[in-house]
Amino acid sequence: MNVQTAPLDAYMVTWQVEHEFGGMTTVCLQRAAAFAECYGHASVVTFYADPAYPELLQGLRERGKLSE
C-alpha cells in the first residue's frame, strides 16, 4: 500500500454526533481516527449546532471514541 506522506486535510461529515450513536457515526469517527493516525490530522464536521458540544466531545474523548 502506498501511503502518502504529505499533509492531508481530511474531513468526515456527519449530520449530528450524540452521546450514544449507531453505525454511520461509528464509521465516521473510526475513519477520522484512521486518517489522523496516517496523516496527522482529520476533522469531523457536523451541521447540527448544539451548544452542549464541548461537554459531549470531552465525554467521547474520555470514552476513546474521539481523538483530540
N, C-alpha and C. Protein backbone atom coordinates (compact mmCIF):
# COMPACT_ATOMS: atom_id res chain seq x y z
N MET A 1 0.83 -1.17 0.00
CA MET A 1 0.00 0.00 0.00
C MET A 1 0.88 1.23 0.00
N ASN A 2 0.58 2.18 -0.88
CA ASN A 2 1.34 3.40 -0.98
C ASN A 2 0.71 4.45 -0.08
N VAL A 3 1.39 4.81 1.00
CA VAL A 3 0.86 5.77 1.96
C VAL A 3 1.44 7.13 1.65
N GLN A 4 0.58 8.11 1.49
CA GLN A 4 1.00 9.48 1.23
C GLN A 4 1.64 10.06 2.48
N THR A 5 2.77 10.74 2.32
CA THR A 5 3.44 11.32 3.48
C THR A 5 3.23 12.83 3.57
N ALA A 6 2.75 13.45 2.51
CA ALA A 6 2.47 14.88 2.54
C ALA A 6 1.24 15.14 3.40
N PRO A 7 1.16 16.32 4.03
CA PRO A 7 -0.02 16.64 4.84
C PRO A 7 -1.29 16.54 4.01
N LEU A 8 -2.34 16.10 4.66
CA LEU A 8 -3.62 15.92 4.01
C LEU A 8 -4.71 16.48 4.93
N ASP A 9 -5.58 17.31 4.40
CA ASP A 9 -6.73 17.79 5.16
C ASP A 9 -7.88 16.83 4.92
N ALA A 10 -8.21 16.04 5.93
CA ALA A 10 -9.29 15.06 5.80
C ALA A 10 -10.48 15.54 6.63
N TYR A 11 -11.66 15.47 6.04
CA TYR A 11 -12.89 15.86 6.71
C TYR A 11 -13.91 14.75 6.59
N MET A 12 -14.45 14.34 7.72
CA MET A 12 -15.55 13.39 7.74
C MET A 12 -16.79 14.19 8.08
N VAL A 13 -17.87 14.00 7.34
CA VAL A 13 -19.08 14.79 7.54
C VAL A 13 -20.19 13.90 8.06
N THR A 14 -20.86 14.36 9.11
CA THR A 14 -21.99 13.65 9.68
C THR A 14 -23.04 14.69 10.08
N TRP A 15 -24.29 14.29 10.12
CA TRP A 15 -25.33 15.25 10.47
C TRP A 15 -25.25 15.68 11.92
N GLN A 16 -25.01 14.73 12.82
CA GLN A 16 -25.03 15.04 14.24
C GLN A 16 -24.23 13.98 14.99
N VAL A 17 -23.58 14.38 16.06
CA VAL A 17 -22.89 13.43 16.94
C VAL A 17 -23.57 13.52 18.30
N GLU A 18 -23.99 12.38 18.80
CA GLU A 18 -24.65 12.32 20.10
C GLU A 18 -23.84 11.45 21.05
N HIS A 19 -24.24 11.44 22.32
CA HIS A 19 -23.53 10.64 23.32
C HIS A 19 -23.57 9.16 22.96
N GLU A 20 -24.72 8.67 22.57
CA GLU A 20 -24.88 7.30 22.10
C GLU A 20 -25.20 7.37 20.61
N PHE A 21 -24.55 6.54 19.81
CA PHE A 21 -24.76 6.60 18.37
C PHE A 21 -24.62 5.23 17.75
N GLY A 22 -25.01 5.15 16.49
CA GLY A 22 -25.03 3.87 15.78
C GLY A 22 -23.92 3.74 14.76
N GLY A 23 -24.19 2.93 13.76
CA GLY A 23 -23.17 2.50 12.80
C GLY A 23 -22.56 3.59 11.93
N MET A 24 -23.38 4.49 11.40
CA MET A 24 -22.85 5.51 10.49
C MET A 24 -21.91 6.47 11.22
N THR A 25 -22.28 6.89 12.42
CA THR A 25 -21.41 7.78 13.20
C THR A 25 -20.17 7.05 13.65
N THR A 26 -20.31 5.78 14.02
CA THR A 26 -19.15 4.98 14.41
C THR A 26 -18.15 4.91 13.27
N VAL A 27 -18.63 4.64 12.07
CA VAL A 27 -17.74 4.57 10.90
C VAL A 27 -17.09 5.91 10.65
N CYS A 28 -17.85 6.99 10.77
CA CYS A 28 -17.32 8.33 10.56
C CYS A 28 -16.18 8.62 11.54
N LEU A 29 -16.39 8.34 12.82
CA LEU A 29 -15.36 8.61 13.82
C LEU A 29 -14.15 7.68 13.65
N GLN A 30 -14.39 6.42 13.31
CA GLN A 30 -13.29 5.49 13.09
C GLN A 30 -12.46 5.90 11.87
N ARG A 31 -13.13 6.33 10.82
CA ARG A 31 -12.41 6.76 9.61
C ARG A 31 -11.60 8.03 9.90
N ALA A 32 -12.17 8.95 10.65
CA ALA A 32 -11.42 10.16 11.03
C ALA A 32 -10.19 9.79 11.84
N ALA A 33 -10.33 8.84 12.77
CA ALA A 33 -9.20 8.40 13.56
C ALA A 33 -8.12 7.75 12.69
N ALA A 34 -8.53 6.96 11.71
CA ALA A 34 -7.57 6.31 10.81
C ALA A 34 -6.82 7.34 9.97
N PHE A 35 -7.53 8.34 9.45
CA PHE A 35 -6.86 9.39 8.68
C PHE A 35 -5.92 10.18 9.58
N ALA A 36 -6.33 10.49 10.80
CA ALA A 36 -5.48 11.24 11.72
C ALA A 36 -4.22 10.45 12.06
N GLU A 37 -4.36 9.15 12.25
CA GLU A 37 -3.20 8.31 12.54
C GLU A 37 -2.23 8.28 11.37
N CYS A 38 -2.77 8.22 10.18
CA CYS A 38 -1.94 8.11 8.98
C CYS A 38 -1.34 9.46 8.56
N TYR A 39 -2.15 10.52 8.65
CA TYR A 39 -1.74 11.81 8.11
C TYR A 39 -1.54 12.89 9.16
N GLY A 40 -1.83 12.59 10.42
CA GLY A 40 -1.59 13.54 11.48
C GLY A 40 -2.76 14.45 11.84
N HIS A 41 -3.81 14.46 11.02
CA HIS A 41 -4.93 15.34 11.31
C HIS A 41 -6.16 14.90 10.52
N ALA A 42 -7.30 15.00 11.14
CA ALA A 42 -8.59 14.78 10.47
C ALA A 42 -9.66 15.47 11.29
N SER A 43 -10.64 16.00 10.63
CA SER A 43 -11.73 16.71 11.31
C SER A 43 -13.05 16.01 11.07
N VAL A 44 -13.91 16.08 12.07
CA VAL A 44 -15.28 15.61 11.91
C VAL A 44 -16.16 16.86 11.88
N VAL A 45 -16.91 17.01 10.81
CA VAL A 45 -17.76 18.19 10.61
C VAL A 45 -19.21 17.76 10.76
N THR A 46 -19.97 18.57 11.51
CA THR A 46 -21.38 18.30 11.68
C THR A 46 -22.17 19.57 11.36
N PHE A 47 -23.40 19.39 10.92
CA PHE A 47 -24.25 20.52 10.58
C PHE A 47 -25.24 20.86 11.69
N TYR A 48 -25.14 20.16 12.82
CA TYR A 48 -26.05 20.36 13.93
C TYR A 48 -25.34 21.19 15.00
N ALA A 49 -25.72 22.43 15.13
CA ALA A 49 -25.09 23.33 16.11
C ALA A 49 -25.71 23.11 17.48
N ASP A 50 -25.01 22.40 18.32
CA ASP A 50 -25.50 22.10 19.67
C ASP A 50 -24.61 22.81 20.68
N PRO A 51 -25.15 23.70 21.51
CA PRO A 51 -24.31 24.40 22.48
C PRO A 51 -23.66 23.47 23.50
N ALA A 52 -24.12 22.24 23.61
CA ALA A 52 -23.55 21.29 24.57
C ALA A 52 -22.41 20.47 23.96
N TYR A 53 -21.99 20.79 22.72
CA TYR A 53 -20.94 20.00 22.08
C TYR A 53 -19.62 19.95 22.86
N PRO A 54 -19.16 21.01 23.50
CA PRO A 54 -17.90 20.89 24.24
C PRO A 54 -17.93 19.76 25.28
N GLU A 55 -19.02 19.66 26.02
CA GLU A 55 -19.14 18.60 27.03
C GLU A 55 -19.28 17.23 26.36
N LEU A 56 -20.05 17.18 25.28
CA LEU A 56 -20.22 15.92 24.55
C LEU A 56 -18.89 15.43 24.00
N LEU A 57 -18.13 16.32 23.37
CA LEU A 57 -16.84 15.93 22.79
C LEU A 57 -15.87 15.46 23.86
N GLN A 58 -15.85 16.14 25.01
CA GLN A 58 -14.98 15.71 26.10
C GLN A 58 -15.36 14.31 26.57
N GLY A 59 -16.65 14.05 26.68
CA GLY A 59 -17.10 12.71 27.08
C GLY A 59 -16.71 11.65 26.07
N LEU A 60 -16.83 11.96 24.78
CA LEU A 60 -16.43 11.00 23.74
C LEU A 60 -14.93 10.75 23.77
N ARG A 61 -14.15 11.80 24.03
CA ARG A 61 -12.69 11.62 24.14
C ARG A 61 -12.34 10.74 25.33
N GLU A 62 -13.00 10.97 26.45
CA GLU A 62 -12.75 10.17 27.65
C GLU A 62 -13.09 8.70 27.43
N ARG A 63 -14.11 8.43 26.60
CA ARG A 63 -14.51 7.05 26.29
C ARG A 63 -13.67 6.44 25.16
N GLY A 64 -12.76 7.22 24.58
CA GLY A 64 -11.92 6.70 23.49
C GLY A 64 -12.61 6.66 22.14
N LYS A 65 -13.71 7.39 22.00
CA LYS A 65 -14.47 7.38 20.74
C LYS A 65 -14.02 8.50 19.79
N LEU A 66 -13.28 9.48 20.32
CA LEU A 66 -12.87 10.62 19.53
C LEU A 66 -11.48 11.05 20.00
N SER A 67 -10.59 11.27 19.06
CA SER A 67 -9.25 11.72 19.44
C SER A 67 -9.23 13.23 19.55
N GLU A 68 -8.18 13.74 20.12
CA GLU A 68 -8.02 15.20 20.26
C GLU A 68 -7.95 15.81 18.88
